Protein backbone atom coordinates (compact mmCIF):
# COMPACT_ATOMS: atom_id res chain seq x y z
CA MET A 1 318.24 140.45 116.64
CA SER A 2 317.37 143.72 114.64
CA ILE A 3 316.64 144.22 110.99
CA PHE A 4 319.09 146.81 108.97
CA LEU A 5 320.71 148.81 112.34
CA ASN A 6 322.25 146.96 115.36
CA GLU A 7 324.86 147.93 117.91
CA ASP A 8 327.42 147.42 115.47
CA SER A 9 326.03 150.22 112.66
CA LYS A 10 328.76 152.89 111.99
CA ILE A 11 327.04 155.94 111.09
CA ILE A 12 327.68 158.88 108.90
CA VAL A 13 325.77 161.95 109.06
CA GLN A 14 325.87 163.75 105.10
CA GLY A 15 324.67 167.35 106.51
CA LEU A 16 326.45 166.55 109.71
CA THR A 17 327.43 170.35 109.91
CA GLY A 18 323.83 172.04 109.37
CA SER A 19 321.55 172.81 112.48
CA GLU A 20 319.46 169.65 111.62
CA GLY A 21 322.45 167.27 111.35
CA THR A 22 324.20 168.22 114.27
CA LYS A 23 321.11 168.26 116.42
CA HIS A 24 320.31 165.12 115.46
CA ALA A 25 323.73 163.63 115.35
CA THR A 26 323.36 164.59 119.19
CA LYS A 27 320.82 162.96 120.16
CA MET A 28 321.54 160.41 118.34
CA LEU A 29 324.99 159.80 120.28
CA ARG A 30 323.12 160.47 123.52
CA SER A 31 320.99 157.20 122.69
CA GLY A 32 324.57 155.20 122.48
CA SER A 33 324.64 154.81 118.60
CA ASN A 34 327.97 155.05 117.22
CA VAL A 35 328.22 158.38 114.82
CA VAL A 36 331.90 158.11 113.40
CA GLY A 37 331.80 161.55 111.12
CA GLY A 38 330.28 163.52 108.84
CA VAL A 39 330.29 164.88 105.19
CA ASN A 40 330.02 168.23 103.37
CA ALA A 41 332.32 168.96 100.75
CA ARG A 42 333.10 172.76 101.74
CA LYS A 43 334.31 171.83 105.24
CA ALA A 44 336.55 168.55 104.07
CA GLY A 45 339.58 168.26 107.17
CA THR A 46 337.78 169.88 109.57
CA SER A 47 336.18 168.32 112.49
CA VAL A 48 333.03 168.91 115.03
CA THR A 49 332.88 168.39 118.63
CA ILE A 50 329.44 166.87 119.89
CA GLU A 51 328.83 165.23 122.89
CA GLY A 52 332.68 165.68 123.66
CA LYS A 53 333.27 163.37 120.86
CA ASP A 54 335.34 164.64 117.37
CA LEU A 55 333.67 163.96 114.70
CA PRO A 56 335.85 164.19 111.16
CA VAL A 57 334.54 166.10 108.09
CA PHE A 58 335.19 164.08 105.18
CA GLY A 59 334.97 165.14 101.14
CA THR A 60 332.65 162.82 100.33
CA VAL A 61 330.82 159.15 101.34
CA GLU A 62 333.22 157.10 99.73
CA GLU A 63 336.02 158.90 101.88
CA ALA A 64 334.37 158.60 105.17
CA MET A 65 333.53 154.79 104.73
CA LYS A 66 337.18 154.06 103.88
CA GLU A 67 338.44 156.08 106.89
CA THR A 68 335.56 154.85 109.37
CA GLY A 69 334.41 152.12 108.53
CA ALA A 70 331.09 153.56 108.30
CA ASN A 71 328.07 151.44 106.83
CA VAL A 72 324.74 153.66 107.57
CA SER A 73 324.53 157.25 106.48
CA VAL A 74 321.80 159.56 107.58
CA LEU A 75 321.01 162.54 105.31
CA PHE A 76 319.94 166.31 106.76
CA VAL A 77 320.54 167.78 103.44
CA PRO A 78 317.79 170.03 101.97
CA ALA A 79 315.89 168.81 99.04
CA LYS A 80 317.05 170.45 95.96
CA PHE A 81 320.20 168.67 97.50
CA THR A 82 318.82 165.77 98.42
CA LYS A 83 319.27 163.63 95.00
CA ASP A 84 322.95 164.54 94.73
CA ALA A 85 323.72 163.41 98.20
CA VAL A 86 321.76 160.24 97.80
CA ILE A 87 323.38 159.06 94.67
CA GLU A 88 326.71 159.48 96.25
CA ALA A 89 326.05 157.66 99.16
CA ILE A 90 324.66 154.91 96.68
CA ASP A 91 327.78 155.03 94.01
CA ALA A 92 329.77 154.62 97.62
CA GLU A 93 327.70 151.22 98.01
CA ILE A 94 327.20 152.19 101.50
CA PRO A 95 324.66 149.22 102.92
CA LEU A 96 322.33 151.52 104.39
CA ALA A 97 321.14 155.50 103.46
CA VAL A 98 318.26 156.89 105.57
CA VAL A 99 316.77 160.07 104.05
CA ILE A 100 315.19 162.35 106.38
CA THR A 101 314.68 165.04 104.42
CA GLU A 102 311.46 165.84 103.41
CA GLY A 103 310.00 167.99 100.44
CA VAL A 104 312.04 166.27 97.79
CA PRO A 105 310.48 165.83 94.49
CA VAL A 106 308.98 162.67 93.16
CA HIS A 107 311.00 162.70 89.98
CA ASP A 108 314.27 162.73 92.09
CA SER A 109 313.73 159.88 94.46
CA ALA A 110 312.73 157.75 91.29
CA TYR A 111 315.97 158.75 89.81
CA PHE A 112 317.76 157.97 92.72
CA TRP A 113 315.72 154.61 93.68
CA ALA A 114 315.94 153.74 90.04
CA HIS A 115 320.00 154.54 90.55
CA ALA A 116 320.14 152.25 93.71
CA VAL A 117 318.60 149.31 91.47
CA ALA A 118 320.83 149.67 88.21
CA LYS A 119 323.86 149.43 91.13
CA GLY A 120 322.68 146.44 92.13
CA ASN A 121 320.71 147.09 95.08
CA LYS A 122 323.89 147.00 97.29
CA THR A 123 322.55 150.17 98.82
CA ARG A 124 319.08 150.11 100.91
CA ILE A 125 317.35 153.35 101.15
CA ILE A 126 315.37 154.19 104.01
CA GLY A 127 312.86 157.57 103.19
CA PRO A 128 312.93 159.83 101.75
CA ASN A 129 310.03 162.00 104.47
CA CYS A 130 310.82 159.80 107.17
CA PRO A 131 312.04 160.12 110.78
CA GLY A 132 314.42 156.81 110.20
CA ILE A 133 314.50 153.99 112.00
CA ILE A 134 315.83 152.64 115.11
CA THR A 135 316.90 149.47 117.26
CA PRO A 136 316.13 150.20 121.14
CA GLY A 137 319.18 150.06 123.19
CA GLU A 138 321.73 149.50 120.20
CA SER A 139 321.37 152.20 117.85
CA ASN A 140 319.30 154.89 116.08
CA ALA A 141 319.27 156.60 112.72
CA GLY A 142 317.38 159.62 112.12
CA ILE A 143 315.11 161.59 113.97
CA ILE A 144 312.99 158.81 116.15
CA PRO A 145 313.27 159.46 119.74
CA SER A 146 315.26 157.34 121.79
CA ASP A 147 314.03 157.32 124.97
CA ILE A 148 310.22 155.85 124.66
CA THR A 149 310.76 152.28 124.31
CA GLY A 150 313.30 149.95 125.11
CA GLY A 151 314.00 146.40 123.29
CA GLY A 152 311.74 143.95 122.56
CA LYS A 153 310.03 141.31 120.29
CA ILE A 154 307.51 143.78 118.27
CA GLY A 155 308.86 144.62 114.94
CA LEU A 156 307.21 148.06 113.03
CA VAL A 157 306.70 149.64 110.21
CA SER A 158 304.92 152.42 109.79
CA LYS A 159 304.41 155.32 107.16
CA SER A 160 303.91 157.60 109.69
CA GLY A 161 306.30 159.57 111.94
CA THR A 162 304.13 160.73 114.61
CA LEU A 163 302.16 157.31 114.77
CA THR A 164 305.36 155.08 114.96
CA TYR A 165 306.14 157.29 118.34
CA GLN A 166 302.60 156.58 120.01
CA MET A 167 302.73 153.02 119.23
CA MET A 168 305.93 152.58 120.55
CA TYR A 169 305.26 154.44 123.32
CA GLU A 170 301.40 152.16 123.71
CA LEU A 171 303.72 149.31 123.61
CA ARG A 172 306.72 150.54 125.36
CA ASP A 173 306.56 147.81 128.58
CA ILE A 174 306.60 145.10 125.65
CA GLY A 175 309.11 146.80 123.57
CA PHE A 176 310.91 146.65 120.06
CA SER A 177 313.06 144.56 117.97
CA THR A 178 313.35 147.46 115.34
CA ALA A 179 310.87 150.26 114.14
CA ILE A 180 311.15 151.35 110.88
CA GLY A 181 309.69 154.55 109.71
CA ILE A 182 309.26 154.24 105.62
CA GLY A 183 308.14 157.51 105.06
CA GLY A 184 305.12 158.72 103.53
CA ASP A 185 305.92 159.76 99.72
CA PRO A 186 304.76 157.82 96.21
CA VAL A 187 308.25 156.61 96.37
CA ILE A 188 310.56 154.96 98.95
CA GLY A 189 313.32 153.00 98.90
CA THR A 190 312.10 150.44 101.45
CA THR A 191 308.62 149.31 101.70
CA HIS A 192 305.75 147.84 104.09
CA ILE A 193 306.84 144.69 102.47
CA ASP A 194 310.85 144.85 102.76
CA ALA A 195 310.10 145.41 106.06
CA LEU A 196 307.50 142.67 106.63
CA GLU A 197 309.83 140.29 105.03
CA ALA A 198 312.98 141.49 107.47
CA PHE A 199 310.66 141.22 110.25
CA GLN A 200 309.70 137.41 109.30
CA ASN A 201 313.01 136.43 108.90
CA ASP A 202 314.35 138.00 112.28
CA PRO A 203 314.22 134.89 114.71
CA GLU A 204 313.64 137.73 117.60
CA THR A 205 310.67 139.29 116.28
CA GLU A 206 307.53 137.46 117.31
CA ALA A 207 304.46 139.65 116.18
CA ILE A 208 304.53 142.85 113.40
CA VAL A 209 302.55 146.01 113.50
CA MET A 210 302.01 147.76 110.22
CA ILE A 211 300.89 151.62 110.24
CA GLY A 212 300.11 152.77 106.83
CA GLU A 213 297.57 155.71 105.50
CA ILE A 214 295.62 156.36 103.06
CA GLY A 215 296.64 156.88 99.44
CA GLY A 216 298.26 154.34 96.69
CA ASP A 217 298.26 150.50 97.04
CA ALA A 218 301.06 149.66 98.94
CA GLU A 219 298.92 148.08 102.08
CA GLU A 220 296.85 146.35 99.47
CA ARG A 221 299.94 144.68 98.20
CA ALA A 222 301.88 143.82 102.01
CA GLY A 223 298.31 142.24 102.62
CA GLU A 224 298.89 140.02 99.91
CA TYR A 225 302.24 139.61 100.46
CA ILE A 226 301.23 138.46 104.47
CA LYS A 227 298.84 136.04 103.19
CA ALA A 228 301.60 134.30 100.76
CA ASN A 229 304.78 134.41 102.99
CA VAL A 230 304.21 135.87 107.02
CA SER A 231 303.52 133.40 109.55
CA LYS A 232 304.24 135.65 112.62
CA PRO A 233 300.88 137.42 113.99
CA VAL A 234 300.30 141.42 112.13
CA VAL A 235 298.12 143.89 113.56
CA GLY A 236 297.42 147.07 111.77
CA TYR A 237 296.44 150.51 111.62
CA VAL A 238 295.62 152.74 108.57
CA ALA A 239 295.53 156.32 109.24
CA GLY A 240 292.65 158.67 107.56
CA PHE A 241 289.56 157.12 107.93
CA THR A 242 287.52 160.49 107.70
CA ALA A 243 289.58 162.02 105.10
CA PRO A 244 287.51 163.73 102.19
CA GLU A 245 288.03 162.56 98.89
CA GLY A 246 290.62 163.93 96.46
CA LYS A 247 292.24 165.75 99.32
CA THR A 248 296.09 165.39 99.29
CA MET A 249 296.00 164.52 103.53
CA GLY A 250 299.48 165.80 104.32
CA HIS A 251 301.52 163.31 102.67
CA ALA A 252 302.64 163.34 99.28
CA GLY A 253 301.50 159.81 99.14
CA ALA A 254 298.31 159.93 100.41
CA ILE A 255 296.13 161.16 98.02
CA VAL A 256 292.95 159.39 97.38
CA SER A 257 290.57 158.81 94.07
CA GLY A 258 287.28 156.56 94.92
CA SER A 259 287.29 154.04 96.64
CA SER A 260 290.92 153.20 95.24
CA GLY A 261 293.23 154.23 98.57
CA THR A 262 290.78 154.73 100.99
CA ALA A 263 291.82 153.40 104.70
CA GLN A 264 288.29 151.18 104.40
CA ALA A 265 289.53 149.44 101.24
CA LYS A 266 293.12 148.79 102.85
CA LYS A 267 291.45 147.89 106.12
CA GLU A 268 289.36 145.21 104.25
CA ALA A 269 292.23 144.15 101.75
CA LEU A 270 294.35 143.69 105.20
CA GLU A 271 291.57 141.63 107.36
CA GLU A 272 291.75 139.22 104.72
CA ALA A 273 295.17 138.53 105.01
CA GLY A 274 294.42 137.62 108.57
CA VAL A 275 295.63 140.98 109.60
CA LYS A 276 293.74 142.50 113.04
CA VAL A 277 293.27 146.48 112.30
CA GLY A 278 292.62 148.88 114.85
CA LYS A 279 290.34 151.87 114.43
CA THR A 280 292.54 154.11 116.65
CA PRO A 281 296.44 153.32 116.95
CA SER A 282 295.38 152.98 120.92
CA GLU A 283 292.80 150.00 119.48
CA THR A 284 295.57 148.76 117.37
CA ALA A 285 297.95 148.98 120.35
CA LEU A 286 295.35 146.45 122.53
CA LEU A 287 295.11 144.23 119.89
CA MET A 288 299.12 143.53 119.74
CA ARG A 289 299.41 143.54 123.73
CA GLU A 290 296.67 140.62 123.09
CA ILE A 291 298.74 138.88 120.84
CA MET A 292 301.97 138.86 123.39
CA GLN A 293 299.93 138.71 126.20
CA GLY A 294 299.16 134.69 124.76
CA LYS A 295 302.39 134.02 124.13
């Protein structure tokens, strides 16, 4: 089993004909993902050949879905065009839109998130500013390297792309049901809680790794959710223990004010919910390994 993405997923790429879209569509196809086409209004009616597969380019997401049966869109669209591209995907009611783009204005993210809610939440948005989602051995939507790990029983949800990859590598001998990078921006479409709920309901996921970072209160809210709703073991890591107060640390969401949003505050909130929290990614992986070995 998996969450949000599986071997039956049919993927289109918004921005397929751009350099990033082509590069990562190539990697997705090599990993076994079923990429079925792309969207670029200026190149509608053409096709591109990637990995020996002819991929048609459509003028709209709606047309691409109608012609290919696509149910996932991965967006490699410049930040200034991302809002319109996501709204187009939402209006077409594609079930999953994975927004890889970095540097999307927070106002734009808030706008398209609100648009998705107004349309009845028919489209799940992952991102923006995220590495995407992978169900190892089945499908890969985004930029997560597919050869780090294989399928297994651990679910992973992370704010950080690079820490996603590190955790997958450290636990590669156990493997993952699904790994999802939700992005580090202040406004994102899919939260820790959304992923925790899905992993809790997935019979094949036995334990969950949750990676957070300083800034905001998402991890504290996730801790409250875990305490009330999650029966599976959860281990956590919070990036930014040595970050100075009042500094933006890389990600747009990682802003600390006083004691609110610090790594220590998040660690305490998670531990209060019964989550074992490592001081380093490697220590976190070791905590998960001990849990899985005890099963």
